Every structure is written in C-alpha cells, then in structure tokens.
Amino acid sequence: LFLVISSTTMDPEQIVRLRERLLQCAVCMDEYKDPRILPCHHTLCFECIESIVQSSSSTGRFFKCPQCRADTAVPIGGAKELPINFYIISLQDELGIKVS
C-alpha cells in the first residue's frame, strides 16, 4: 500500500479521519510517539510497548499484541530494538503533526 498525501489538497475532515485511522495508537489512543513496528505488523508507541512489557506476566520476554493478540517476543535488547515505523513518522510530518 502506497499512499501520497498532501495536507493542502485534503479537507480538514479527511485529515481528522486519517489521523484517527492511521496515526492513533491502539493503547494510549493518542497520536503515535516514537512508533515501533511489531512482528505482526501492527504499530504502537514505544512507551506503550514498554508499559505492556512491564505488566506482562511472562517476565518481560513475551506479550500479546493488543490489536490482534499475536504472541510477540521482546528483542534481546528490549523494546527499543523493535523497528521504528518511519512510514508513520513521514505521514505525521506530511500532515504537520508535532509529537513530543
């Protein structure tokens, strides 16, 4: 899936719907902050993943994706080793979303 977006050609309602559908973390329900890709291809905020891992009952080695319930192994170096979702970051940049 390749998506080209220009905030100057979209009406504000379309941008709001796009943000809600593609740029909102399923855990914190905010726009992604430091988005990381899980092996199941879902994306979560780094801090949300850290929180899930810490509350996991399997000594922080595995957790279930909150969207599809897939078992997810935490990389040896921790959640910071999960790949950054640069696609999400570029969408945020294109839409002028500032996330701190």
PDB file of N, CA and C in Angstrom:
ATOM      1  N   LEU A   1       0.847  -1.180   0.000  1.00  0.00           N
ATOM      2  CA  LEU A   1       0.000   0.000   0.000  1.00  0.00           C
ATOM      3  C   LEU A   1       0.883   1.231   0.000  1.00  0.00           C
ATOM      4  N   PHE A   2       0.695   2.067  -0.974  1.00  0.00           N
ATOM      5  CA  PHE A   2       1.445   3.318  -1.064  1.00  0.00           C
ATOM      6  C   PHE A   2       0.438   4.448  -1.061  1.00  0.00           C
ATOM      7  N   LEU A   3       0.644   5.408  -0.214  1.00  0.00           N
ATOM      8  CA  LEU A   3      -0.307   6.494  -0.041  1.00  0.00           C
ATOM      9  C   LEU A   3       0.421   7.823  -0.139  1.00  0.00           C
ATOM     10  N   VAL A   4      -0.042   8.673  -1.015  1.00  0.00           N
ATOM     11  CA  VAL A   4       0.527  10.008  -1.143  1.00  0.00           C
ATOM     12  C   VAL A   4      -0.503  10.985  -0.611  1.00  0.00           C
ATOM     13  N   ILE A   5      -0.075  11.825   0.311  1.00  0.00           N
ATOM     14  CA  ILE A   5      -0.997  12.740   0.975  1.00  0.00           C
ATOM     15  C   ILE A   5      -0.420  14.145   0.936  1.00  0.00           C
ATOM     16  N   SER A   6      -1.255  15.072   0.654  1.00  0.00           N
ATOM     17  CA  SER A   6      -0.861  16.472   0.761  1.00  0.00           C
ATOM     18  C   SER A   6      -1.928  17.178   1.580  1.00  0.00           C
ATOM     19  N   SER A   7      -1.521  17.705   2.715  1.00  0.00           N
ATOM     20  CA  SER A   7      -2.491  18.360   3.597  1.00  0.00           C
ATOM     21  C   SER A   7      -3.103  19.591   2.940  1.00  0.00           C
ATOM     22  N   THR A   8      -2.486  20.115   1.894  1.00  0.00           N
ATOM     23  CA  THR A   8      -3.049  21.286   1.223  1.00  0.00           C
ATOM     24  C   THR A   8      -4.182  20.907   0.281  1.00  0.00           C
ATOM     25  N   THR A   9      -4.299  19.622  -0.096  1.00  0.00           N
ATOM     26  CA  THR A   9      -5.353  19.209  -1.020  1.00  0.00           C
ATOM     27  C   THR A   9      -6.461  18.424  -0.328  1.00  0.00           C
ATOM     28  N   MET A  10      -6.345  18.190   0.951  1.00  0.00           N
ATOM     29  CA  MET A  10      -7.362  17.436   1.685  1.00  0.00           C
ATOM     30  C   MET A  10      -8.180  18.395   2.537  1.00  0.00           C
ATOM     31  N   ASP A  11      -9.473  18.090   2.649  1.00  0.00           N
ATOM     32  CA  ASP A  11     -10.269  18.934   3.536  1.00  0.00           C
ATOM     33  C   ASP A  11      -9.999  18.521   4.981  1.00  0.00           C
ATOM     34  N   PRO A  12     -10.255  19.407   5.936  1.00  0.00           N
ATOM     35  CA  PRO A  12      -9.933  19.133   7.338  1.00  0.00           C
ATOM     36  C   PRO A  12     -10.584  17.862   7.890  1.00  0.00           C
ATOM     37  N   GLU A  13     -11.796  17.542   7.458  1.00  0.00           N
ATOM     38  CA  GLU A  13     -12.459  16.326   7.938  1.00  0.00           C
ATOM     39  C   GLU A  13     -11.709  15.078   7.488  1.00  0.00           C
ATOM     40  N   GLN A  14     -11.193  15.094   6.265  1.00  0.00           N
ATOM     41  CA  GLN A  14     -10.414  13.958   5.772  1.00  0.00           C
ATOM     42  C   GLN A  14      -9.145  13.776   6.594  1.00  0.00           C
ATOM     43  N   ILE A  15      -8.509  14.873   6.944  1.00  0.00           N
ATOM     44  CA  ILE A  15      -7.287  14.799   7.740  1.00  0.00           C
ATOM     45  C   ILE A  15      -7.593  14.226   9.117  1.00  0.00           C
ATOM     46  N   VAL A  16      -8.686  14.647   9.737  1.00  0.00           N
ATOM     47  CA  VAL A  16      -9.072  14.128  11.055  1.00  0.00           C
ATOM     48  C   VAL A  16      -9.325  12.625  10.974  1.00  0.00           C
ATOM     49  N   ARG A  17     -10.067  12.187   9.954  1.00  0.00           N
ATOM     50  CA  ARG A  17     -10.343  10.753   9.795  1.00  0.00           C
ATOM     51  C   ARG A  17      -9.054   9.971   9.558  1.00  0.00           C
ATOM     52  N   LEU A  18      -8.159  10.514   8.768  1.00  0.00           N
ATOM     53  CA  LEU A  18      -6.884   9.861   8.501  1.00  0.00           C
ATOM     54  C   LEU A  18      -6.068   9.727   9.780  1.00  0.00           C
ATOM     55  N   ARG A  19      -6.027  10.787  10.563  1.00  0.00           N
ATOM     56  CA  ARG A  19      -5.303  10.734  11.841  1.00  0.00           C
ATOM     57  C   ARG A  19      -5.882   9.651  12.745  1.00  0.00           C
ATOM     58  N   GLU A  20      -7.203   9.586  12.833  1.00  0.00           N
ATOM     59  CA  GLU A  20      -7.845   8.602  13.705  1.00  0.00           C
ATOM     60  C   GLU A  20      -7.603   7.177  13.221  1.00  0.00           C
ATOM     61  N   ARG A  21      -7.622   6.950  11.910  1.00  0.00           N
ATOM     62  CA  ARG A  21      -7.483   5.598  11.362  1.00  0.00           C
ATOM     63  C   ARG A  21      -6.047   5.109  11.302  1.00  0.00           C
ATOM     64  N   LEU A  22      -5.123   5.996  10.957  1.00  0.00           N
ATOM     65  CA  LEU A  22      -3.763   5.549  10.679  1.00  0.00           C
ATOM     66  C   LEU A  22      -2.713   6.023  11.668  1.00  0.00           C
ATOM     67  N   LEU A  23      -2.996   7.073  12.402  1.00  0.00           N
ATOM     68  CA  LEU A  23      -1.949   7.687  13.207  1.00  0.00           C
ATOM     69  C   LEU A  23      -2.236   7.666  14.699  1.00  0.00           C
ATOM     70  N   GLN A  24      -3.153   6.805  15.131  1.00  0.00           N
ATOM     71  CA  GLN A  24      -3.551   6.759  16.533  1.00  0.00           C
ATOM     72  C   GLN A  24      -3.171   5.410  17.140  1.00  0.00           C
ATOM     73  N   CYS A  25      -2.439   5.447  18.225  1.00  0.00           N
ATOM     74  CA  CYS A  25      -2.026   4.237  18.936  1.00  0.00           C
ATOM     75  C   CYS A  25      -3.245   3.562  19.564  1.00  0.00           C
ATOM     76  N   ALA A  26      -3.332   2.249  19.411  1.00  0.00           N
ATOM     77  CA  ALA A  26      -4.460   1.483  19.948  1.00  0.00           C
ATOM     78  C   ALA A  26      -4.414   1.356  21.468  1.00  0.00           C
ATOM     79  N   VAL A  27      -3.281   1.678  22.078  1.00  0.00           N
ATOM     80  CA  VAL A  27      -3.155   1.560  23.531  1.00  0.00           C
ATOM     81  C   VAL A  27      -3.500   2.886  24.211  1.00  0.00           C
ATOM     82  N   CYS A  28      -2.773   3.947  23.869  1.00  0.00           N
ATOM     83  CA  CYS A  28      -2.983   5.232  24.552  1.00  0.00           C
ATOM     84  C   CYS A  28      -4.027   6.108  23.867  1.00  0.00           C
ATOM     85  N   MET A  29      -4.420   5.734  22.641  1.00  0.00           N
ATOM     86  CA  MET A  29      -5.406   6.453  21.840  1.00  0.00           C
ATOM     87  C   MET A  29      -4.960   7.871  21.472  1.00  0.00           C
ATOM     88  N   ASP A  30      -3.678   8.154  21.612  1.00  0.00           N
ATOM     89  CA  ASP A  30      -3.106   9.422  21.163  1.00  0.00           C
ATOM     90  C   ASP A  30      -2.393   9.180  19.839  1.00  0.00           C
ATOM     91  N   GLU A  31      -1.959  10.264  19.210  1.00  0.00           N
ATOM     92  CA  GLU A  31      -1.154  10.100  18.006  1.00  0.00           C
ATOM     93  C   GLU A  31       0.179   9.473  18.410  1.00  0.00           C
ATOM     94  N   TYR A  32       0.699   8.626  17.528  1.00  0.00           N
ATOM     95  CA  TYR A  32       1.914   7.874  17.832  1.00  0.00           C
ATOM     96  C   TYR A  32       3.056   8.771  18.277  1.00  0.00           C
ATOM     97  N   LYS A  33       3.757   8.310  19.318  1.00  0.00           N
ATOM     98  CA  LYS A  33       5.004   8.915  19.768  1.00  0.00           C
ATOM     99  C   LYS A  33       6.052   7.812  19.680  1.00  0.00           C
ATOM    100  N   ASP A  34       7.083   8.018  18.904  1.00  0.00           N
ATOM    101  CA  ASP A  34       8.136   7.021  18.691  1.00  0.00           C
ATOM    102  C   ASP A  34       7.509   5.681  18.272  1.00  0.00           C
ATOM    103  N   PRO A  35       6.810   5.669  17.127  1.00  0.00           N
ATOM    104  CA  PRO A  35       6.092   4.462  16.697  1.00  0.00           C
ATOM    105  C   PRO A  35       7.030   3.307  16.359  1.00  0.00           C
ATOM    106  N   ARG A  36       6.709   2.112  16.879  1.00  0.00           N
ATOM    107  CA  ARG A  36       7.509   0.909  16.649  1.00  0.00           C
ATOM    108  C   ARG A  36       6.632  -0.166  16.020  1.00  0.00           C
ATOM    109  N   ILE A  37       7.223  -0.928  15.111  1.00  0.00           N
ATOM    110  CA  ILE A  37       6.506  -1.980  14.396  1.00  0.00           C
ATOM    111  C   ILE A  37       6.699  -3.309  15.121  1.00  0.00           C
ATOM    112  N   LEU A  38       5.590  -3.983  15.396  1.00  0.00           N
ATOM    113  CA  LEU A  38       5.637  -5.316  15.993  1.00  0.00           C
ATOM    114  C   LEU A  38       5.784  -6.361  14.886  1.00  0.00           C
ATOM    115  N   PRO A  39       6.215  -7.581  15.224  1.00  0.00           N
ATOM    116  CA  PRO A  39       6.333  -8.636  14.209  1.00  0.00           C
ATOM    117  C   PRO A  39       5.022  -8.928  13.474  1.00  0.00           C
ATOM    118  N   CYS A  40       3.879  -8.662  14.101  1.00  0.00           N
ATOM    119  CA  CYS A  40       2.576  -8.878  13.463  1.00  0.00           C
ATOM    120  C   CYS A  40       2.210  -7.724  12.526  1.00  0.00           C
ATOM    121  N   HIS A  41       3.096  -6.733  12.429  1.00  0.00           N
ATOM    122  CA  HIS A  41       2.956  -5.557  11.563  1.00  0.00           C
ATOM    123  C   HIS A  41       2.037  -4.475  12.121  1.00  0.00           C
ATOM    124  N   HIS A  42       1.575  -4.609  13.363  1.00  0.00           N
ATOM    125  CA  HIS A  42       0.867  -3.508  13.999  1.00  0.00           C
ATOM    126  C   HIS A  42       1.901  -2.543  14.570  1.00  0.00           C
ATOM    127  N   THR A  43       1.472  -1.319  14.811  1.00  0.00           N
ATOM    128  CA  THR A  43       2.361  -0.282  15.330  1.00  0.00           C
ATOM    129  C   THR A  43       1.808   0.233  16.646  1.00  0.00           C
ATOM    130  N   LEU A  44       2.717   0.454  17.599  1.00  0.00           N
ATOM    131  CA  LEU A  44       2.375   1.040  18.893  1.00  0.00           C
ATOM    132  C   LEU A  44       3.449   2.054  19.260  1.00  0.00           C
ATOM    133  N   CYS A  45       3.115   2.959  20.181  1.00  0.00           N
ATOM    134  CA  CYS A  45       4.113   3.879  20.718  1.00  0.00           C
ATOM    135  C   CYS A  45       5.148   3.083  21.512  1.00  0.00           C
ATOM    136  N   PHE A  46       6.387   3.527  21.463  1.00  0.00           N
ATOM    137  CA  PHE A  46       7.440   2.867  22.233  1.00  0.00           C
ATOM    138  C   PHE A  46       7.066   2.787  23.712  1.00  0.00           C
ATOM    139  N   GLU A  47       6.609   3.903  24.294  1.00  0.00           N
ATOM    140  CA  GLU A  47       6.259   3.905  25.719  1.00  0.00           C
ATOM    141  C   GLU A  47       5.108   2.950  26.025  1.00  0.00           C
ATOM    142  N   CYS A  48       4.165   2.815  25.112  1.00  0.00           N
ATOM    143  CA  CYS A  48       3.054   1.881  25.318  1.00  0.00           C
ATOM    144  C   CYS A  48       3.564   0.442  25.316  1.00  0.00           C
ATOM    145  N   ILE A  49       4.483   0.144  24.410  1.00  0.00           N
ATOM    146  CA  ILE A  49       5.074  -1.200  24.375  1.00  0.00           C
ATOM    147  C   ILE A  49       5.814  -1.462  25.675  1.00  0.00           C
ATOM    148  N   GLU A  50       6.606  -0.489  26.121  1.00  0.00           N
ATOM    149  CA  GLU A  50       7.337  -0.641  27.381  1.00  0.00           C
ATOM    150  C   GLU A  50       6.385  -0.932  28.538  1.00  0.00           C
ATOM    151  N   SER A  51       5.274  -0.220  28.581  1.00  0.00           N
ATOM    152  CA  SER A  51       4.283  -0.419  29.636  1.00  0.00           C
ATOM    153  C   SER A  51       3.683  -1.823  29.575  1.00  0.00           C
ATOM    154  N   ILE A  52       3.361  -2.275  28.374  1.00  0.00           N
ATOM    155  CA  ILE A  52       2.804  -3.620  28.203  1.00  0.00           C
ATOM    156  C   ILE A  52       3.816  -4.672  28.625  1.00  0.00           C
ATOM    157  N   VAL A  53       5.068  -4.497  28.221  1.00  0.00           N
ATOM    158  CA  VAL A  53       6.123  -5.461  28.561  1.00  0.00           C
ATOM    159  C   VAL A  53       6.301  -5.527  30.073  1.00  0.00           C
ATOM    160  N   GLN A  54       6.314  -4.373  30.743  1.00  0.00           N
ATOM    161  CA  GLN A  54       6.499  -4.346  32.191  1.00  0.00           C
ATOM    162  C   GLN A  54       5.346  -5.004  32.932  1.00  0.00           C
ATOM    163  N   SER A  55       4.142  -4.906  32.401  1.00  0.00           N
ATOM    164  CA  SER A  55       2.987  -5.510  33.070  1.00  0.00           C
ATOM    165  C   SER A  55       2.747  -6.945  32.616  1.00  0.00           C
ATOM    166  N   SER A  56       3.563  -7.422  31.690  1.00  0.00           N
ATOM    167  CA  SER A  56       3.423  -8.781  31.170  1.00  0.00           C
ATOM    168  C   SER A  56       3.740  -9.798  32.261  1.00  0.00           C
ATOM    169  N   SER A  57       3.005 -10.896  32.252  1.00  0.00           N
ATOM    170  CA  SER A  57       3.212 -11.933  33.266  1.00  0.00           C
ATOM    171  C   SER A  57       4.334 -12.897  32.892  1.00  0.00           C
ATOM    172  N   SER A  58       4.917 -12.750  31.712  1.00  0.00           N
ATOM    173  CA  SER A  58       5.949 -13.694  31.273  1.00  0.00           C
ATOM    174  C   SER A  58       7.353 -13.101  31.412  1.00  0.00           C
ATOM    175  N   THR A  59       7.612 -12.479  32.526  1.00  0.00           N
ATOM    176  CA  THR A  59       8.916 -11.899  32.862  1.00  0.00           C
ATOM    177  C   THR A  59       9.465 -10.968  31.788  1.00  0.00           C
ATOM    178  N   GLY A  60       8.596 -10.284  31.075  1.00  0.00           N
ATOM    179  CA  GLY A  60       9.033  -9.303  30.108  1.00  0.00           C
ATOM    180  C   GLY A  60       9.633  -9.855  28.839  1.00  0.00           C
ATOM    181  N   ARG A  61       9.466 -11.152  28.585  1.00  0.00           N
ATOM    182  CA  ARG A  61      10.045 -11.740  27.370  1.00  0.00           C
ATOM    183  C   ARG A  61       9.038 -11.833  26.237  1.00  0.00           C
ATOM    184  N   PHE A  62       7.761 -11.906  26.573  1.00  0.00           N
ATOM    185  CA  PHE A  62       6.694 -12.022  25.578  1.00  0.00           C
ATOM    186  C   PHE A  62       5.518 -11.157  26.011  1.00  0.00           C
ATOM    187  N   PHE A  63       4.750 -10.721  25.033  1.00  0.00           N
ATOM    188  CA  PHE A  63       3.487 -10.044  25.315  1.00  0.00           C
ATOM    189  C   PHE A  63       2.569 -10.266  24.130  1.00  0.00           C
ATOM    190  N   LYS A  64       1.289 -10.001  24.329  1.00  0.00           N
ATOM    191  CA  LYS A  64       0.318 -10.146  23.248  1.00  0.00           C
ATOM    192  C   LYS A  64       0.055  -8.782  22.623  1.00  0.00           C
ATOM    193  N   CYS A  65       0.045  -8.752  21.300  1.00  0.00           N
ATOM    194  CA  CYS A  65      -0.309  -7.518  20.604  1.00  0.00           C
ATOM    195  C   CYS A  65      -1.730  -7.144  21.022  1.00  0.00           C
ATOM    196  N   PRO A  66      -1.960  -5.909  21.459  1.00  0.00           N
ATOM    197  CA  PRO A  66      -3.306  -5.524  21.890  1.00  0.00           C
ATOM    198  C   PRO A  66      -4.318  -5.449  20.751  1.00  0.00           C
ATOM    199  N   GLN A  67      -3.857  -5.471  19.507  1.00  0.00           N
ATOM    200  CA  GLN A  67      -4.785  -5.400  18.382  1.00  0.00           C
ATOM    201  C   GLN A  67      -5.180  -6.776  17.863  1.00  0.00           C
ATOM    202  N   CYS A  68      -4.215  -7.678  17.696  1.00  0.00           N
ATOM    203  CA  CYS A  68      -4.535  -8.985  17.106  1.00  0.00           C
ATOM    204  C   CYS A  68      -4.286 -10.151  18.060  1.00  0.00           C
ATOM    205  N   ARG A  69      -3.752  -9.869  19.237  1.00  0.00           N
ATOM    206  CA  ARG A  69      -3.473 -10.868  20.274  1.00  0.00           C
ATOM    207  C   ARG A  69      -2.345 -11.832  19.895  1.00  0.00           C
ATOM    208  N   ALA A  70      -1.567 -11.511  18.876  1.00  0.00           N
ATOM    209  CA  ALA A  70      -0.436 -12.361  18.491  1.00  0.00           C
ATOM    210  C   ALA A  70       0.625 -12.319  19.583  1.00  0.00           C
ATOM    211  N   ASP A  71       1.192 -13.490  19.890  1.00  0.00           N
ATOM    212  CA  ASP A  71       2.307 -13.535  20.829  1.00  0.00           C
ATOM    213  C   ASP A  71       3.499 -12.821  20.206  1.00  0.00           C
ATOM    214  N   THR A  72       4.111 -11.942  20.986  1.00  0.00           N
ATOM    215  CA  THR A  72       5.213 -11.128  20.491  1.00  0.00           C
ATOM    216  C   THR A  72       6.406 -11.287  21.412  1.00  0.00           C
ATOM    217  N   ALA A  73       7.523 -11.702  20.857  1.00  0.00           N
ATOM    218  CA  ALA A  73       8.755 -11.821  21.634  1.00  0.00           C
ATOM    219  C   ALA A  73       9.423 -10.453  21.706  1.00  0.00           C
ATOM    220  N   VAL A  74       9.880 -10.104  22.891  1.00  0.00           N
ATOM    221  CA  VAL A  74      10.616  -8.856  23.067  1.00  0.00           C
ATOM    222  C   VAL A  74      12.061  -9.115  22.630  1.00  0.00           C
ATOM    223  N   PRO A  75      12.616  -8.275  21.766  1.00  0.00           N
ATOM    224  CA  PRO A  75      14.005  -8.480  21.344  1.00  0.00           C
ATOM    225  C   PRO A  75      14.960  -8.503  22.538  1.00  0.00           C
ATOM    226  N   ILE A  76      16.113  -9.131  22.369  1.00  0.00           N
ATOM    227  CA  ILE A  76      17.086  -9.254  23.453  1.00  0.00           C
ATOM    228  C   ILE A  76      17.440  -7.892  24.045  1.00  0.00           C
ATOM    229  N   GLY A  77      17.568  -6.879  23.228  1.00  0.00           N
ATOM    230  CA  GLY A  77      17.908  -5.541  23.713  1.00  0.00           C
ATOM    231  C   GLY A  77      16.728  -4.765  24.264  1.00  0.00           C
ATOM    232  N   GLY A  78      15.547  -5.365  24.297  1.00  0.00           N
ATOM    233  CA  GLY A  78      14.350  -4.697  24.792  1.00  0.00           C
ATOM    234  C   GLY A  78      13.537  -4.075  23.672  1.00  0.00           C
ATOM    235  N   ALA A  79      12.470  -3.405  24.047  1.00  0.00           N
ATOM    236  CA  ALA A  79      11.540  -2.828  23.068  1.00  0.00           C
ATOM    237  C   ALA A  79      12.210  -1.791  22.175  1.00  0.00           C
ATOM    238  N   LYS A  80      13.285  -1.173  22.654  1.00  0.00           N
ATOM    239  CA  LYS A  80      13.977  -0.166  21.834  1.00  0.00           C
ATOM    240  C   LYS A  80      14.583  -0.779  20.578  1.00  0.00           C
ATOM    241  N   GLU A  81      14.702  -2.110  20.543  1.00  0.00           N
ATOM    242  CA  GLU A  81      15.243  -2.800  19.369  1.00  0.00           C
ATOM    243  C   GLU A  81      14.174  -3.080  18.307  1.00  0.00           C
ATOM    244  N   LEU A  82      12.904  -2.867  18.636  1.00  0.00           N
ATOM    245  CA  LEU A  82      11.856  -3.023  17.621  1.00  0.00           C
ATOM    246  C   LEU A  82      12.031  -1.924  16.578  1.00  0.00           C
ATOM    247  N   PRO A  83      11.770  -2.219  15.308  1.00  0.00           N
ATOM    248  CA  PRO A  83      11.996  -1.213  14.266  1.00  0.00           C
ATOM    249  C   PRO A  83      11.077  -0.001  14.399  1.00  0.00           C
ATOM    250  N   ILE A  84      11.643   1.161  14.111  1.00  0.00           N
ATOM    251  CA  ILE A  84      10.881   2.407  14.090  1.00  0.00           C
ATOM    252  C   ILE A  84      10.016   2.411  12.830  1.00  0.00           C
ATOM    253  N   ASN A  85       8.771   2.868  12.966  1.00  0.00           N
ATOM    254  CA  ASN A  85       7.883   2.942  11.809  1.00  0.00           C
ATOM    255  C   ASN A  85       8.058   4.313  11.143  1.00  0.00           C
ATOM    256  N   PHE A  86       9.009   4.371  10.207  1.00  0.00           N
ATOM    257  CA  PHE A  86       9.300   5.631   9.522  1.00  0.00           C
ATOM    258  C   PHE A  86       8.158   6.053   8.604  1.00  0.00           C
ATOM    259  N   TYR A  87       7.347   5.113   8.170  1.00  0.00           N
ATOM    260  CA  TYR A  87       6.177   5.444   7.354  1.00  0.00           C
ATOM    261  C   TYR A  87       5.210   6.317   8.161  1.00  0.00           C
ATOM    262  N   ILE A  88       4.934   5.912   9.395  1.00  0.00           N
ATOM    263  CA  ILE A  88       4.048   6.692  10.266  1.00  0.00           C
ATOM    264  C   ILE A  88       4.657   8.070  10.527  1.00  0.00           C
ATOM    265  N   ILE A  89       5.944   8.111  10.796  1.00  0.00           N
ATOM    266  CA  ILE A  89       6.615   9.385  11.055  1.00  0.00           C
ATOM    267  C   ILE A  89       6.505  10.304   9.841  1.00  0.00           C
ATOM    268  N   SER A  90       6.676   9.750   8.644  1.00  0.00           N
ATOM    269  CA  SER A  90       6.576  10.591   7.444  1.00  0.00           C
ATOM    270  C   SER A  90       5.148  11.092   7.234  1.00  0.00           C
ATOM    271  N   LEU A  91       4.140  10.267   7.559  1.00  0.00           N
ATOM    272  CA  LEU A  91       2.749  10.733   7.486  1.00  0.00           C
ATOM    273  C   LEU A  91       2.510  11.869   8.476  1.00  0.00           C
ATOM    274  N   GLN A  92       3.029  11.719   9.693  1.00  0.00           N
ATOM    275  CA  GLN A  92       2.883  12.781  10.687  1.00  0.00           C
ATOM    276  C   GLN A  92       3.544  14.065  10.192  1.00  0.00           C
ATOM    277  N   ASP A  93       4.728  13.941   9.611  1.00  0.00           N
ATOM    278  CA  ASP A  93       5.420  15.116   9.072  1.00  0.00           C
ATOM    279  C   ASP A  93       4.607  15.760   7.954  1.00  0.00           C
ATOM    280  N   GLU A  94       4.080  14.934   7.054  1.00  0.00           N
ATOM    281  CA  GLU A  94       3.319  15.448   5.912  1.00  0.00           C
ATOM    282  C   GLU A  94       2.062  16.191   6.367  1.00  0.00           C
ATOM    283  N   LEU A  95       1.445  15.694   7.435  1.00  0.00           N
ATOM    284  CA  LEU A  95       0.218  16.310   7.937  1.00  0.00           C
ATOM    285  C   LEU A  95       0.491  17.402   8.970  1.00  0.00           C
ATOM    286  N   GLY A  96       1.760  17.669   9.220  1.00  0.00           N
ATOM    287  CA  GLY A  96       2.114  18.740  10.145  1.00  0.00           C
ATOM    288  C   GLY A  96       1.840  18.409  11.588  1.00  0.00           C
ATOM    289  N   ILE A  97       1.931  17.133  11.952  1.00  0.00           N
ATOM    290  CA  ILE A  97       1.670  16.713  13.326  1.00  0.00           C
ATOM    291  C   ILE A  97       2.971  16.801  14.111  1.00  0.00           C
ATOM    292  N   LYS A  98       2.950  17.560  15.186  1.00  0.00           N
ATOM    293  CA  LYS A  98       4.116  17.682  16.054  1.00  0.00           C
ATOM    294  C   LYS A  98       3.867  16.833  17.289  1.00  0.00           C
ATOM    295  N   VAL A  99       4.690  15.806  17.469  1.00  0.00           N
ATOM    296  CA  VAL A  99       4.544  14.908  18.612  1.00  0.00           C
ATOM    297  C   VAL A  99       5.815  15.002  19.429  1.00  0.00           C
ATOM    298  N   SER A 100       5.653  15.271  20.726  1.00  0.00           N
ATOM    299  CA  SER A 100       6.841  15.378  21.584  1.00  0.00           C
ATOM    300  C   SER A 100       6.961  14.180  22.488  1.00  0.00           C
TER     301      SER A 100
END
